[in-house]
N, C-alpha and C. Protein backbone atom coordinates (compact mmCIF):
# COMPACT_ATOMS: atom_id res chain seq x y z
N MET A 1 -9.49 -0.33 6.65
CA MET A 1 -8.33 -1.04 6.19
C MET A 1 -7.49 -0.11 5.33
N PHE A 2 -6.19 -0.23 5.42
CA PHE A 2 -5.32 0.58 4.61
C PHE A 2 -4.16 -0.27 4.13
N THR A 3 -3.47 0.21 3.15
CA THR A 3 -2.33 -0.49 2.58
C THR A 3 -1.09 0.36 2.77
N LEU A 4 -0.04 -0.26 3.24
CA LEU A 4 1.24 0.43 3.40
C LEU A 4 2.04 0.24 2.12
N ILE A 5 2.51 1.33 1.55
CA ILE A 5 3.29 1.29 0.32
C ILE A 5 4.75 1.51 0.65
N ASN A 6 5.62 0.67 0.13
CA ASN A 6 7.05 0.76 0.38
C ASN A 6 7.66 1.73 -0.64
N ALA A 7 7.96 2.93 -0.21
CA ALA A 7 8.49 3.96 -1.11
C ALA A 7 9.91 3.64 -1.57
N ASP A 8 10.61 2.78 -0.86
CA ASP A 8 11.98 2.43 -1.23
C ASP A 8 12.04 1.30 -2.26
N ALA A 9 10.92 0.66 -2.53
CA ALA A 9 10.91 -0.50 -3.43
C ALA A 9 11.01 -0.05 -4.89
N ASP A 10 11.53 -0.93 -5.72
CA ASP A 10 11.64 -0.63 -7.15
C ASP A 10 10.27 -0.58 -7.80
N ASP A 11 9.37 -1.44 -7.36
CA ASP A 11 8.00 -1.49 -7.88
C ASP A 11 7.19 -0.39 -7.20
N ASP A 12 6.56 0.50 -7.97
CA ASP A 12 5.82 1.64 -7.40
C ASP A 12 4.69 1.22 -6.47
N ASP A 13 4.12 0.05 -6.67
CA ASP A 13 2.98 -0.39 -5.86
C ASP A 13 3.36 -1.47 -4.85
N ALA A 14 4.63 -1.55 -4.48
CA ALA A 14 5.07 -2.60 -3.56
C ALA A 14 4.50 -2.34 -2.16
N GLU A 15 3.75 -3.31 -1.66
CA GLU A 15 3.17 -3.20 -0.33
C GLU A 15 4.18 -3.65 0.72
N ILE A 16 4.10 -3.06 1.88
CA ILE A 16 4.92 -3.50 3.01
C ILE A 16 4.15 -4.61 3.71
N THR A 17 4.69 -5.82 3.65
CA THR A 17 4.01 -6.96 4.27
C THR A 17 4.85 -7.60 5.36
N ASP A 18 6.13 -7.29 5.42
CA ASP A 18 6.99 -7.87 6.43
C ASP A 18 6.65 -7.28 7.80
N PRO A 19 6.30 -8.14 8.77
CA PRO A 19 5.92 -7.63 10.09
C PRO A 19 7.00 -6.75 10.73
N GLN A 20 8.25 -7.07 10.50
CA GLN A 20 9.33 -6.26 11.08
C GLN A 20 9.33 -4.85 10.48
N GLU A 21 9.13 -4.74 9.17
CA GLU A 21 9.09 -3.42 8.53
C GLU A 21 7.88 -2.63 9.00
N ILE A 22 6.74 -3.29 9.18
CA ILE A 22 5.54 -2.62 9.66
C ILE A 22 5.77 -2.11 11.09
N ALA A 23 6.38 -2.94 11.93
CA ALA A 23 6.66 -2.54 13.31
C ALA A 23 7.61 -1.34 13.35
N GLU A 24 8.64 -1.36 12.49
CA GLU A 24 9.58 -0.24 12.45
C GLU A 24 8.90 1.04 11.98
N LEU A 25 8.01 0.92 11.02
CA LEU A 25 7.28 2.10 10.53
C LEU A 25 6.43 2.71 11.63
N PHE A 26 5.66 1.87 12.32
CA PHE A 26 4.80 2.40 13.38
C PHE A 26 5.61 2.92 14.56
N ALA A 27 6.75 2.32 14.84
CA ALA A 27 7.62 2.84 15.90
C ALA A 27 8.12 4.23 15.53
N ALA A 28 8.46 4.42 14.26
CA ALA A 28 8.93 5.74 13.81
C ALA A 28 7.80 6.77 13.90
N ILE A 29 6.59 6.37 13.52
CA ILE A 29 5.44 7.27 13.61
C ILE A 29 5.19 7.65 15.07
N ALA A 30 5.24 6.66 15.95
CA ALA A 30 5.02 6.92 17.38
C ALA A 30 6.09 7.86 17.94
N ALA A 31 7.34 7.64 17.55
CA ALA A 31 8.42 8.49 18.06
C ALA A 31 8.23 9.94 17.64
N VAL A 32 7.83 10.16 16.39
CA VAL A 32 7.59 11.52 15.91
C VAL A 32 6.41 12.14 16.64
N ALA A 33 5.34 11.37 16.83
CA ALA A 33 4.16 11.89 17.53
C ALA A 33 4.50 12.25 18.97
N ILE A 34 5.23 11.39 19.65
CA ILE A 34 5.61 11.65 21.04
C ILE A 34 6.46 12.92 21.14
N GLU A 35 7.38 13.06 20.22
CA GLU A 35 8.24 14.25 20.24
C GLU A 35 7.45 15.52 19.91
N ALA A 36 6.50 15.40 18.99
CA ALA A 36 5.77 16.59 18.52
C ALA A 36 4.68 17.02 19.50
N ILE A 37 3.93 16.07 20.06
CA ILE A 37 2.78 16.45 20.88
C ILE A 37 2.84 15.93 22.31
N GLY A 38 3.88 15.20 22.65
CA GLY A 38 4.04 14.70 24.00
C GLY A 38 3.42 13.33 24.17
N PRO A 39 3.91 12.60 25.17
CA PRO A 39 3.46 11.21 25.34
C PRO A 39 1.98 11.07 25.69
N ASP A 40 1.44 11.96 26.50
CA ASP A 40 0.04 11.84 26.90
C ASP A 40 -0.90 12.06 25.72
N GLN A 41 -0.67 13.11 24.95
CA GLN A 41 -1.51 13.37 23.79
C GLN A 41 -1.30 12.32 22.70
N ALA A 42 -0.08 11.82 22.55
CA ALA A 42 0.17 10.78 21.56
C ALA A 42 -0.61 9.52 21.94
N ARG A 43 -0.62 9.20 23.21
CA ARG A 43 -1.39 8.02 23.69
C ARG A 43 -2.87 8.19 23.38
N GLU A 44 -3.42 9.37 23.66
CA GLU A 44 -4.83 9.63 23.36
C GLU A 44 -5.10 9.51 21.86
N LEU A 45 -4.17 10.03 21.05
CA LEU A 45 -4.32 9.95 19.60
C LEU A 45 -4.35 8.49 19.14
N PHE A 46 -3.39 7.70 19.58
CA PHE A 46 -3.32 6.30 19.15
C PHE A 46 -4.49 5.49 19.69
N ASP A 47 -4.94 5.79 20.90
CA ASP A 47 -6.13 5.12 21.43
C ASP A 47 -7.35 5.42 20.56
N ALA A 48 -7.49 6.67 20.13
CA ALA A 48 -8.61 7.06 19.28
C ALA A 48 -8.54 6.35 17.92
N VAL A 49 -7.34 6.19 17.39
CA VAL A 49 -7.18 5.49 16.11
C VAL A 49 -7.59 4.02 16.27
N VAL A 50 -7.16 3.39 17.34
CA VAL A 50 -7.51 1.99 17.58
C VAL A 50 -9.02 1.83 17.73
N GLU A 51 -9.67 2.77 18.40
CA GLU A 51 -11.11 2.71 18.59
C GLU A 51 -11.88 2.80 17.28
N GLN A 52 -11.28 3.38 16.24
CA GLN A 52 -11.96 3.51 14.94
C GLN A 52 -12.23 2.14 14.31
N GLU A 53 -11.39 1.15 14.58
CA GLU A 53 -11.56 -0.21 14.07
C GLU A 53 -11.88 -0.24 12.58
N GLY A 54 -11.17 0.56 11.81
CA GLY A 54 -11.34 0.54 10.37
C GLY A 54 -12.50 1.37 9.83
N ARG A 55 -13.25 2.01 10.72
CA ARG A 55 -14.36 2.85 10.27
C ARG A 55 -13.85 4.14 9.67
N GLU A 56 -14.60 4.69 8.76
CA GLU A 56 -14.25 5.98 8.18
C GLU A 56 -14.42 7.07 9.23
N PRO A 57 -13.47 8.01 9.32
CA PRO A 57 -13.65 9.12 10.27
C PRO A 57 -14.80 10.02 9.86
N ASN A 58 -15.38 10.68 10.83
CA ASN A 58 -16.51 11.57 10.55
C ASN A 58 -16.06 12.84 9.88
């Protein structure tokens, strides 16, 4: 489990809880990953993250 922190908020510990903001954040992350490593490798990366199901990485 992780917490998303809203860097634009006045409160330093403001969490991002709005589903639209969370979707926009992940879309931006995906766009950068696709541009940087290509769609196939980005897909493998995101599939691996989903498979973690909140477990700590080795």
